[in-house]
Protein backbone atom coordinates (compact mmCIF):
# COMPACT_ATOMS: atom_id res chain seq x y z
CA UNK A 1 27.50 -9.27 0.04
CA UNK A 2 24.16 -7.22 1.84
CA UNK A 3 21.56 -8.85 3.20
CA UNK A 4 18.42 -7.12 3.88
CA UNK A 5 16.23 -8.53 7.22
CA UNK A 6 13.67 -7.69 10.10
CA UNK A 7 16.13 -6.36 13.18
CA UNK A 8 16.73 -7.96 16.46
CA UNK A 9 18.78 -7.24 19.34
CA UNK A 10 22.08 -7.33 18.10
CA UNK A 11 21.13 -4.40 15.66
CA UNK A 12 19.69 -1.96 18.34
CA UNK A 13 23.48 -0.20 18.30
CA UNK A 14 23.98 -0.54 14.58
CA UNK A 15 20.50 1.30 14.12
CA UNK A 16 20.92 3.94 16.34
CA UNK A 17 24.75 4.59 14.60
CA UNK A 18 23.45 4.56 11.10
CA UNK A 19 20.65 6.43 11.92
CA UNK A 20 22.42 9.24 13.72
CA UNK A 21 24.70 9.47 11.73
CA UNK A 22 22.80 9.75 8.34
CA UNK A 23 20.82 11.95 10.18
CA UNK A 24 23.66 14.24 10.63
CA UNK A 25 25.01 13.78 7.26
CA UNK A 26 21.58 14.23 5.53
CA UNK A 27 21.15 17.72 7.61
CA UNK A 28 23.78 19.38 8.57
CA UNK A 29 23.06 21.97 5.98
CA UNK A 30 19.17 22.38 6.26
CA UNK A 31 18.67 22.07 10.24
CA UNK A 32 20.67 23.54 13.11
CA UNK A 33 22.81 21.76 15.42
CA UNK A 34 20.65 21.88 18.18
CA UNK A 35 17.67 20.99 16.16
CA UNK A 36 19.92 17.58 14.72
CA UNK A 37 20.53 16.45 18.51
CA UNK A 38 17.13 17.10 19.60
CA UNK A 39 15.75 14.48 16.67
CA UNK A 40 18.44 12.14 16.98
CA UNK A 41 18.23 11.81 21.25
CA UNK A 42 14.44 11.64 20.56
CA UNK A 43 14.29 9.35 17.93
CA UNK A 44 17.78 7.26 18.11
CA UNK A 45 18.24 6.32 21.40
CA UNK A 46 18.73 3.25 23.27
CA UNK A 47 15.28 2.78 24.73
CA UNK A 48 13.06 3.44 21.69
CA UNK A 49 15.01 1.60 19.39
CA UNK A 50 15.05 -1.11 21.84
CA UNK A 51 10.88 -0.70 21.93
CA UNK A 52 10.71 -0.73 18.13
CA UNK A 53 12.75 -3.47 17.45
CA UNK A 54 10.90 -5.86 19.82
CA UNK A 55 7.14 -4.01 19.63
CA UNK A 56 5.55 -4.70 15.91
CA UNK A 57 1.85 -3.59 15.20
CA UNK A 58 -0.14 -2.74 12.40
CA UNK A 59 0.96 0.87 12.16
CA UNK A 60 4.97 -0.19 12.48
CA UNK A 61 6.52 -2.83 10.35
CA UNK A 62 9.73 -2.41 13.12
CA UNK A 63 12.64 -1.81 11.84
CA UNK A 64 14.66 -3.10 8.70
CA UNK A 65 18.85 -3.55 8.29
CA UNK A 66 20.93 -4.01 5.61
CA UNK A 67 23.87 -6.15 6.77
CA UNK A 68 26.87 -6.55 5.51
CA UNK A 69 29.50 -9.06 7.85
CA UNK A 70 27.04 -8.91 9.71
CA UNK A 71 27.39 -4.86 10.49
CA UNK A 72 24.56 -2.57 10.26
CA UNK A 73 25.14 -0.57 7.38
CA UNK A 74 21.10 0.92 6.61
CA UNK A 75 18.07 0.70 8.75
CA UNK A 76 14.27 1.62 7.45
CA UNK A 77 11.03 1.83 9.17
CA UNK A 78 7.67 2.45 8.53
CA UNK A 79 3.54 1.02 8.80
CA UNK A 80 0.39 1.28 7.50
CA UNK A 81 -0.94 4.68 8.24
CA UNK A 82 -4.84 3.50 6.98
CA UNK A 83 -6.17 0.03 5.52
CA UNK A 84 -4.54 0.62 1.71
CA UNK A 85 -2.42 3.63 2.56
CA UNK A 86 1.52 2.96 3.93
CA UNK A 87 4.94 5.13 5.10
CA UNK A 88 8.27 4.81 5.02
CA UNK A 89 8.89 6.59 8.40
CA UNK A 90 12.66 6.45 8.17
CA UNK A 91 15.20 5.35 6.11
CA UNK A 92 18.89 6.20 6.69
CA UNK A 93 22.44 4.78 5.55
CA UNK A 94 26.30 5.38 6.56
CA UNK A 95 27.21 7.81 4.79
CA UNK A 96 30.06 6.30 3.31
CA UNK A 97 27.66 3.74 1.66
CA UNK A 98 25.52 5.79 -1.09
CA UNK A 99 24.87 5.11 -4.76
CA UNK A 100 25.62 1.31 -4.06
CA UNK A 101 22.01 0.36 -3.94
CA UNK A 102 21.98 -0.19 -0.42
CA UNK A 103 18.95 2.30 0.14
CA UNK A 104 17.34 0.62 -3.22
CA UNK A 105 17.18 -2.84 -1.39
CA UNK A 106 15.98 -1.29 2.09
CA UNK A 107 12.87 0.11 0.60
CA UNK A 108 11.84 -2.81 -1.99
CA UNK A 109 11.88 -5.04 1.53
CA UNK A 110 9.81 -2.53 3.52
CA UNK A 111 7.25 -2.13 -0.22
CA UNK A 112 6.59 -5.68 -0.15
CA UNK A 113 5.97 -6.47 3.75
CA UNK A 114 3.45 -2.99 3.36
CA UNK A 115 1.80 -4.50 0.20
CA UNK A 116 1.39 -7.67 1.84
CA UNK A 117 -0.77 -6.39 4.41
CA UNK A 118 -2.89 -4.58 1.85
CA UNK A 119 -1.42 -1.30 1.34
CA UNK A 120 -1.49 0.37 -2.33
CA UNK A 121 -0.52 3.87 -1.91
CA UNK A 122 2.89 4.63 -0.03
CA UNK A 123 3.72 7.91 1.51
CA UNK A 124 7.33 9.37 2.25
CA UNK A 125 7.58 12.95 3.93
CA UNK A 126 11.23 14.82 3.02
CA UNK A 127 12.62 18.04 4.51
CA UNK A 128 12.31 20.73 1.96
CA UNK A 129 16.16 20.61 0.54
CA UNK A 130 17.32 17.68 1.22
CA UNK A 131 19.63 17.06 -1.79
CA UNK A 132 19.86 13.33 -1.10
CA UNK A 133 16.07 11.59 -0.28
CA UNK A 134 14.45 14.17 -2.85
CA UNK A 135 16.27 12.61 -5.88
CA UNK A 136 16.21 8.92 -4.18
CA UNK A 137 12.27 9.23 -3.97
CA UNK A 138 11.77 10.46 -6.84
CA UNK A 139 14.10 8.13 -9.06
CA UNK A 140 11.50 5.04 -7.03
CA UNK A 141 8.22 6.75 -8.90
CA UNK A 142 7.03 8.86 -6.06
CA UNK A 143 5.27 12.24 -6.57
CA UNK A 144 5.11 15.32 -4.84
CA UNK A 145 1.94 15.92 -3.21
CA UNK A 146 2.16 18.64 -1.02
CA UNK A 147 4.32 20.99 1.93
CA UNK A 148 3.24 20.75 5.49
CA UNK A 149 5.27 21.63 8.22
CA UNK A 150 7.95 19.23 9.94
CA UNK A 151 6.40 16.49 12.08
CA UNK A 152 9.37 17.16 14.75
CA UNK A 153 9.40 21.27 14.73
CA UNK A 154 10.01 22.89 18.26
CA UNK A 155 8.22 26.45 19.24
CA UNK A 156 10.72 28.02 17.53
CA UNK A 157 10.93 25.71 14.42
CA UNK A 158 10.06 26.78 11.05
CA UNK A 159 11.15 23.38 9.19
CA UNK A 160 9.06 22.33 6.18
CA UNK A 161 8.48 18.83 4.79
CA UNK A 162 7.32 17.66 1.58
CA UNK A 163 4.58 15.18 1.15
CA UNK A 164 5.07 12.38 -1.80
CA UNK A 165 2.80 8.99 -2.39
CA UNK A 166 3.24 6.11 -4.88
CA UNK A 167 1.48 3.77 -5.88
CA UNK A 168 2.57 0.16 -5.10
């Protein structure tokens, strides 16, 4: 049975593992290896995830995990970006566990948290060409709004993100 809950310290290594593996699996045909490893090192390192697990605020709801036999098989995080708008900042699954409803369960849990904080719109950025993320979000009523430069682009990167939004 899959359980979705707010993460705690025992889930840090599982979050790092599932996000790192999920990121590599999702972007290996879209981004350079150097870009992928730079992003993983920046966002999915122990110190950062520890701080994100132990500190929440109005703009960071914390990490939520999908667990099976107390093993992290998916993770999501997001927060409010304005009084009535929220965002999904990260959602990854164990690459071997796709199409089991795990991502949907994680999204539903975070959406309820964000709705309870007053959000009535939910945003997400998806990499242009992300054949896994785009259909997932579109199937859940997210509508394409615009293209923008990817958040984590370095000096020589020209990657593009697609901004999606839905009412919640």
